[in-house]
Amino acid sequence: MPNPLVECIPNFSEARRPEVVEAIVAAIAGVPEITLLNQSSDKDHNRTVVTFAGPPVAVEEAAFRGVRKAAELIDLDQHTGSHPRLGATDVVPFVPLAGIEMSECVAMARRLGERVSRELEIPVYLYEDAATRPDRVNLEWLGPWNSGSASAARPGCGSRRSR
């Protein structure tokens, strides 16, 4: 059996300030055993997608560090862009690559959500396989993300209070 390998593809609500993107990527890449696979920024959407992989524990820690850095540096009150956004970090999917099942990636997502909620006081909305309610499996329940529909909804982890 190969060593477990997980991919993570977080989406951050920033692309126009390279120093912010670089700081987020550095926070992720600074975790031992993480391999940065790709980084793509779209200035029109003002969104950056980072792809990295590694052992599950390292990937979970790198995801947390990226979320934490994004929360420190991105102010959504000042954010503009054509892509809908829910937070400084919009989504943090975990993908099983080798030696690990999707159920373990779901557990990673839920642990990360609890940690982000507890340590950063950011509400987390779990979706797809990690959803804790059947009506949250598909993100379409949010409707237009910029309309404030999420602010009235109960998050999967934490309170409605947002940072």
C-alpha atoms as a PDB file:
ATOM      1  CA  MET A   1       0.000   0.000   0.000  1.00  0.00           C
ATOM      2  CA  PRO A   2       1.461   3.395  -0.976  1.00  0.00           C
ATOM      3  CA  ASN A   3       1.813   6.237   1.492  1.00  0.00           C
ATOM      4  CA  PRO A   4      -1.436   8.246   1.594  1.00  0.00           C
ATOM      5  CA  LEU A   5      -1.418  11.237  -0.722  1.00  0.00           C
ATOM      6  CA  VAL A   6      -4.019  14.012  -0.768  1.00  0.00           C
ATOM      7  CA  GLU A   7      -4.457  16.969  -3.097  1.00  0.00           C
ATOM      8  CA  CYS A   8      -5.976  20.262  -1.938  1.00  0.00           C
ATOM      9  CA  ILE A   9      -7.270  23.019  -4.210  1.00  0.00           C
ATOM     10  CA  PRO A  10      -8.241  26.070  -2.132  1.00  0.00           C
ATOM     11  CA  ASN A  11      -9.699  29.136  -3.847  1.00  0.00           C
ATOM     12  CA  PHE A  12      -8.797  32.549  -2.440  1.00  0.00           C
ATOM     13  CA  SER A  13     -10.555  35.854  -3.123  1.00  0.00           C
ATOM     14  CA  GLU A  14      -7.458  37.705  -4.292  1.00  0.00           C
ATOM     15  CA  ALA A  15      -5.474  38.003  -7.524  1.00  0.00           C
ATOM     16  CA  ARG A  16      -4.767  41.697  -7.987  1.00  0.00           C
ATOM     17  CA  ARG A  17      -2.278  42.103  -5.154  1.00  0.00           C
ATOM     18  CA  PRO A  18       0.636  39.772  -5.910  1.00  0.00           C
ATOM     19  CA  GLU A  19       2.184  40.293  -2.485  1.00  0.00           C
ATOM     20  CA  VAL A  20      -0.960  38.895  -0.834  1.00  0.00           C
ATOM     21  CA  VAL A  21      -1.076  35.888  -3.157  1.00  0.00           C
ATOM     22  CA  GLU A  22       2.638  35.271  -2.548  1.00  0.00           C
ATOM     23  CA  ALA A  23       2.128  35.397   1.233  1.00  0.00           C
ATOM     24  CA  ILE A  24      -0.731  32.875   1.065  1.00  0.00           C
ATOM     25  CA  VAL A  25       1.267  30.534  -1.173  1.00  0.00           C
ATOM     26  CA  ALA A  26       4.318  30.877   1.108  1.00  0.00           C
ATOM     27  CA  ALA A  27       2.197  29.954   4.141  1.00  0.00           C
ATOM     28  CA  ILE A  28       1.042  26.798   2.347  1.00  0.00           C
ATOM     29  CA  ALA A  29       4.416  25.869   0.885  1.00  0.00           C
ATOM     30  CA  GLY A  30       6.119  26.413   4.236  1.00  0.00           C
ATOM     31  CA  VAL A  31       4.638  23.209   5.619  1.00  0.00           C
ATOM     32  CA  PRO A  32       7.119  20.310   5.408  1.00  0.00           C
ATOM     33  CA  GLU A  33       6.228  17.551   2.904  1.00  0.00           C
ATOM     34  CA  ILE A  34       3.965  19.837   0.851  1.00  0.00           C
ATOM     35  CA  THR A  35       4.475  19.961  -2.891  1.00  0.00           C
ATOM     36  CA  LEU A  36       3.050  23.014  -4.639  1.00  0.00           C
ATOM     37  CA  LEU A  37       1.590  21.784  -7.941  1.00  0.00           C
ATOM     38  CA  ASN A  38       0.002  24.881  -9.435  1.00  0.00           C
ATOM     39  CA  GLN A  39      -1.066  28.444  -8.799  1.00  0.00           C
ATOM     40  CA  SER A  40      -3.427  30.299 -11.069  1.00  0.00           C
ATOM     41  CA  SER A  41      -4.705  33.848 -10.617  1.00  0.00           C
ATOM     42  CA  ASP A  42      -7.423  35.600 -12.586  1.00  0.00           C
ATOM     43  CA  LYS A  43      -7.408  39.375 -12.116  1.00  0.00           C
ATOM     44  CA  ASP A  44     -10.883  39.890 -13.616  1.00  0.00           C
ATOM     45  CA  HIS A  45     -12.399  37.438 -11.140  1.00  0.00           C
ATOM     46  CA  ASN A  46      -9.928  38.547  -8.444  1.00  0.00           C
ATOM     47  CA  ARG A  47      -9.471  34.918  -7.484  1.00  0.00           C
ATOM     48  CA  THR A  48      -6.484  32.618  -7.045  1.00  0.00           C
ATOM     49  CA  VAL A  49      -6.552  28.832  -7.066  1.00  0.00           C
ATOM     50  CA  VAL A  50      -3.647  27.007  -5.440  1.00  0.00           C
ATOM     51  CA  THR A  51      -3.082  23.278  -5.912  1.00  0.00           C
ATOM     52  CA  PHE A  52      -0.825  21.332  -3.586  1.00  0.00           C
ATOM     53  CA  ALA A  53      -0.383  17.756  -2.399  1.00  0.00           C
ATOM     54  CA  GLY A  54       1.253  15.717   0.321  1.00  0.00           C
ATOM     55  CA  PRO A  55       0.536  13.417   3.231  1.00  0.00           C
ATOM     56  CA  PRO A  56      -2.878  14.034   4.856  1.00  0.00           C
ATOM     57  CA  VAL A  57      -1.591  15.651   8.072  1.00  0.00           C
ATOM     58  CA  ALA A  58       0.660  18.045   6.146  1.00  0.00           C
ATOM     59  CA  VAL A  59      -2.078  18.916   3.646  1.00  0.00           C
ATOM     60  CA  GLU A  60      -4.566  19.670   6.414  1.00  0.00           C
ATOM     61  CA  GLU A  61      -2.031  21.918   8.172  1.00  0.00           C
ATOM     62  CA  ALA A  62      -1.091  23.695   4.925  1.00  0.00           C
ATOM     63  CA  ALA A  63      -4.769  24.325   4.171  1.00  0.00           C
ATOM     64  CA  PHE A  64      -5.240  25.852   7.618  1.00  0.00           C
ATOM     65  CA  ARG A  65      -2.190  28.090   7.210  1.00  0.00           C
ATOM     66  CA  GLY A  66      -3.454  29.291   3.828  1.00  0.00           C
ATOM     67  CA  VAL A  67      -6.917  30.054   5.241  1.00  0.00           C
ATOM     68  CA  ARG A  68      -5.373  31.869   8.209  1.00  0.00           C
ATOM     69  CA  LYS A  69      -3.098  33.988   5.996  1.00  0.00           C
ATOM     70  CA  ALA A  70      -5.989  34.839   3.662  1.00  0.00           C
ATOM     71  CA  ALA A  71      -8.127  35.917   6.619  1.00  0.00           C
ATOM     72  CA  GLU A  72      -5.285  38.183   7.813  1.00  0.00           C
ATOM     73  CA  LEU A  73      -4.701  39.854   4.443  1.00  0.00           C
ATOM     74  CA  ILE A  74      -7.990  39.927   2.506  1.00  0.00           C
ATOM     75  CA  ASP A  75     -10.740  42.401   3.398  1.00  0.00           C
ATOM     76  CA  LEU A  76     -13.940  41.462   1.578  1.00  0.00           C
ATOM     77  CA  ASP A  77     -15.384  44.904   2.295  1.00  0.00           C
ATOM     78  CA  GLN A  78     -12.747  46.206  -0.137  1.00  0.00           C
ATOM     79  CA  HIS A  79     -12.939  43.263  -2.555  1.00  0.00           C
ATOM     80  CA  THR A  80     -14.235  43.558  -6.095  1.00  0.00           C
ATOM     81  CA  GLY A  81     -14.281  40.972  -8.840  1.00  0.00           C
ATOM     82  CA  SER A  82     -16.633  39.236 -11.213  1.00  0.00           C
ATOM     83  CA  HIS A  83     -16.495  35.851  -9.421  1.00  0.00           C
ATOM     84  CA  PRO A  84     -18.982  35.261  -6.611  1.00  0.00           C
ATOM     85  CA  ARG A  85     -17.279  34.912  -3.267  1.00  0.00           C
ATOM     86  CA  LEU A  86     -18.269  33.752   0.174  1.00  0.00           C
ATOM     87  CA  GLY A  87     -15.092  34.532   2.086  1.00  0.00           C
ATOM     88  CA  ALA A  88     -11.400  35.343   1.858  1.00  0.00           C
ATOM     89  CA  THR A  89     -11.134  31.605   1.254  1.00  0.00           C
ATOM     90  CA  ASP A  90     -14.105  30.292  -0.698  1.00  0.00           C
ATOM     91  CA  VAL A  91     -13.580  26.561  -0.951  1.00  0.00           C
ATOM     92  CA  VAL A  92     -10.984  24.076   0.298  1.00  0.00           C
ATOM     93  CA  PRO A  93     -11.574  20.739  -1.437  1.00  0.00           C
ATOM     94  CA  PHE A  94      -9.533  17.679  -0.503  1.00  0.00           C
ATOM     95  CA  VAL A  95      -9.056  15.020  -3.185  1.00  0.00           C
ATOM     96  CA  PRO A  96      -7.782  11.502  -2.438  1.00  0.00           C
ATOM     97  CA  LEU A  97      -4.877  10.692  -4.763  1.00  0.00           C
ATOM     98  CA  ALA A  98      -3.352   7.464  -3.431  1.00  0.00           C
ATOM     99  CA  GLY A  99      -3.677   5.208  -0.409  1.00  0.00           C
ATOM    100  CA  ILE A 100      -6.588   7.154   1.090  1.00  0.00           C
ATOM    101  CA  GLU A 101     -10.375   7.033   0.741  1.00  0.00           C
ATOM    102  CA  MET A 102     -12.796   9.897   0.189  1.00  0.00           C
ATOM    103  CA  SER A 103     -14.234   9.269   3.671  1.00  0.00           C
ATOM    104  CA  GLU A 104     -10.836  10.220   5.121  1.00  0.00           C
ATOM    105  CA  CYS A 105     -10.805  13.423   3.051  1.00  0.00           C
ATOM    106  CA  VAL A 106     -14.292  14.198   4.385  1.00  0.00           C
ATOM    107  CA  ALA A 107     -12.946  13.787   7.921  1.00  0.00           C
ATOM    108  CA  MET A 108     -10.089  16.157   7.023  1.00  0.00           C
ATOM    109  CA  ALA A 109     -12.553  18.766   5.731  1.00  0.00           C
ATOM    110  CA  ARG A 110     -14.650  18.546   8.873  1.00  0.00           C
ATOM    111  CA  ARG A 111     -11.600  18.806  11.164  1.00  0.00           C
ATOM    112  CA  LEU A 112     -10.338  21.792   9.194  1.00  0.00           C
ATOM    113  CA  GLY A 113     -13.764  23.428   9.388  1.00  0.00           C
ATOM    114  CA  GLU A 114     -13.898  22.971  13.149  1.00  0.00           C
ATOM    115  CA  ARG A 115     -10.382  24.343  13.545  1.00  0.00           C
ATOM    116  CA  VAL A 116     -11.022  27.381  11.328  1.00  0.00           C
ATOM    117  CA  SER A 117     -14.209  28.071  13.256  1.00  0.00           C
ATOM    118  CA  ARG A 118     -12.602  27.622  16.674  1.00  0.00           C
ATOM    119  CA  GLU A 119      -9.214  29.311  16.136  1.00  0.00           C
ATOM    120  CA  LEU A 120     -10.056  31.957  13.544  1.00  0.00           C
ATOM    121  CA  GLU A 121     -13.726  32.521  14.442  1.00  0.00           C
ATOM    122  CA  ILE A 122     -14.743  32.173  10.805  1.00  0.00           C
ATOM    123  CA  PRO A 123     -17.985  30.390   9.932  1.00  0.00           C
ATOM    124  CA  VAL A 124     -17.477  27.363   7.689  1.00  0.00           C
ATOM    125  CA  TYR A 125     -20.045  25.944   5.278  1.00  0.00           C
ATOM    126  CA  LEU A 126     -19.392  22.276   4.577  1.00  0.00           C
ATOM    127  CA  TYR A 127     -20.602  21.008   1.184  1.00  0.00           C
ATOM    128  CA  GLU A 128     -20.529  18.059  -1.208  1.00  0.00           C
ATOM    129  CA  ASP A 129     -19.344  14.874   0.534  1.00  0.00           C
ATOM    130  CA  ALA A 130     -18.438  16.787   3.720  1.00  0.00           C
ATOM    131  CA  ALA A 131     -21.911  18.312   4.120  1.00  0.00           C
ATOM    132  CA  THR A 132     -23.548  17.609   7.457  1.00  0.00           C
ATOM    133  CA  ARG A 133     -27.048  18.280   6.078  1.00  0.00           C
ATOM    134  CA  PRO A 134     -28.567  16.943   2.858  1.00  0.00           C
ATOM    135  CA  ASP A 135     -29.604  20.437   1.708  1.00  0.00           C
ATOM    136  CA  ARG A 136     -25.943  21.535   1.815  1.00  0.00           C
ATOM    137  CA  VAL A 137     -24.494  18.939  -0.545  1.00  0.00           C
ATOM    138  CA  ASN A 138     -24.670  21.339  -3.487  1.00  0.00           C
ATOM    139  CA  LEU A 139     -23.521  24.943  -3.060  1.00  0.00           C
ATOM    140  CA  GLU A 140     -26.496  26.153  -5.093  1.00  0.00           C
ATOM    141  CA  TRP A 141     -28.432  26.533  -1.816  1.00  0.00           C
ATOM    142  CA  LEU A 142     -26.453  29.733  -1.322  1.00  0.00           C
ATOM    143  CA  GLY A 143     -27.903  31.360  -4.415  1.00  0.00           C
ATOM    144  CA  PRO A 144     -25.954  34.419  -5.553  1.00  0.00           C
ATOM    145  CA  TRP A 145     -23.084  34.445  -3.051  1.00  0.00           C
ATOM    146  CA  ASN A 146     -22.797  38.198  -2.954  1.00  0.00           C
ATOM    147  CA  SER A 147     -26.460  38.654  -2.007  1.00  0.00           C
ATOM    148  CA  GLY A 148     -25.858  37.871   1.658  1.00  0.00           C
ATOM    149  CA  SER A 149     -27.784  34.594   1.519  1.00  0.00           C
ATOM    150  CA  ALA A 150     -25.022  32.826   3.456  1.00  0.00           C
ATOM    151  CA  SER A 151     -25.085  35.404   6.239  1.00  0.00           C
ATOM    152  CA  ALA A 152     -28.588  34.274   7.200  1.00  0.00           C
ATOM    153  CA  ALA A 153     -27.776  30.565   7.017  1.00  0.00           C
ATOM    154  CA  ARG A 154     -26.379  28.440   9.808  1.00  0.00           C
ATOM    155  CA  PRO A 155     -22.814  27.353   8.973  1.00  0.00           C
ATOM    156  CA  GLY A 156     -21.618  23.759   9.233  1.00  0.00           C
ATOM    157  CA  CYS A 157     -18.973  24.848  11.783  1.00  0.00           C
ATOM    158  CA  GLY A 158     -19.028  27.913  14.000  1.00  0.00           C
ATOM    159  CA  SER A 159     -21.391  30.823  14.241  1.00  0.00           C
ATOM    160  CA  ARG A 160     -22.762  33.202  11.629  1.00  0.00           C
ATOM    161  CA  ARG A 161     -20.271  35.857  12.757  1.00  0.00           C
ATOM    162  CA  SER A 162     -17.887  36.457   9.896  1.00  0.00           C
ATOM    163  CA  ARG A 163     -14.438  37.965   9.660  1.00  0.00           C
END
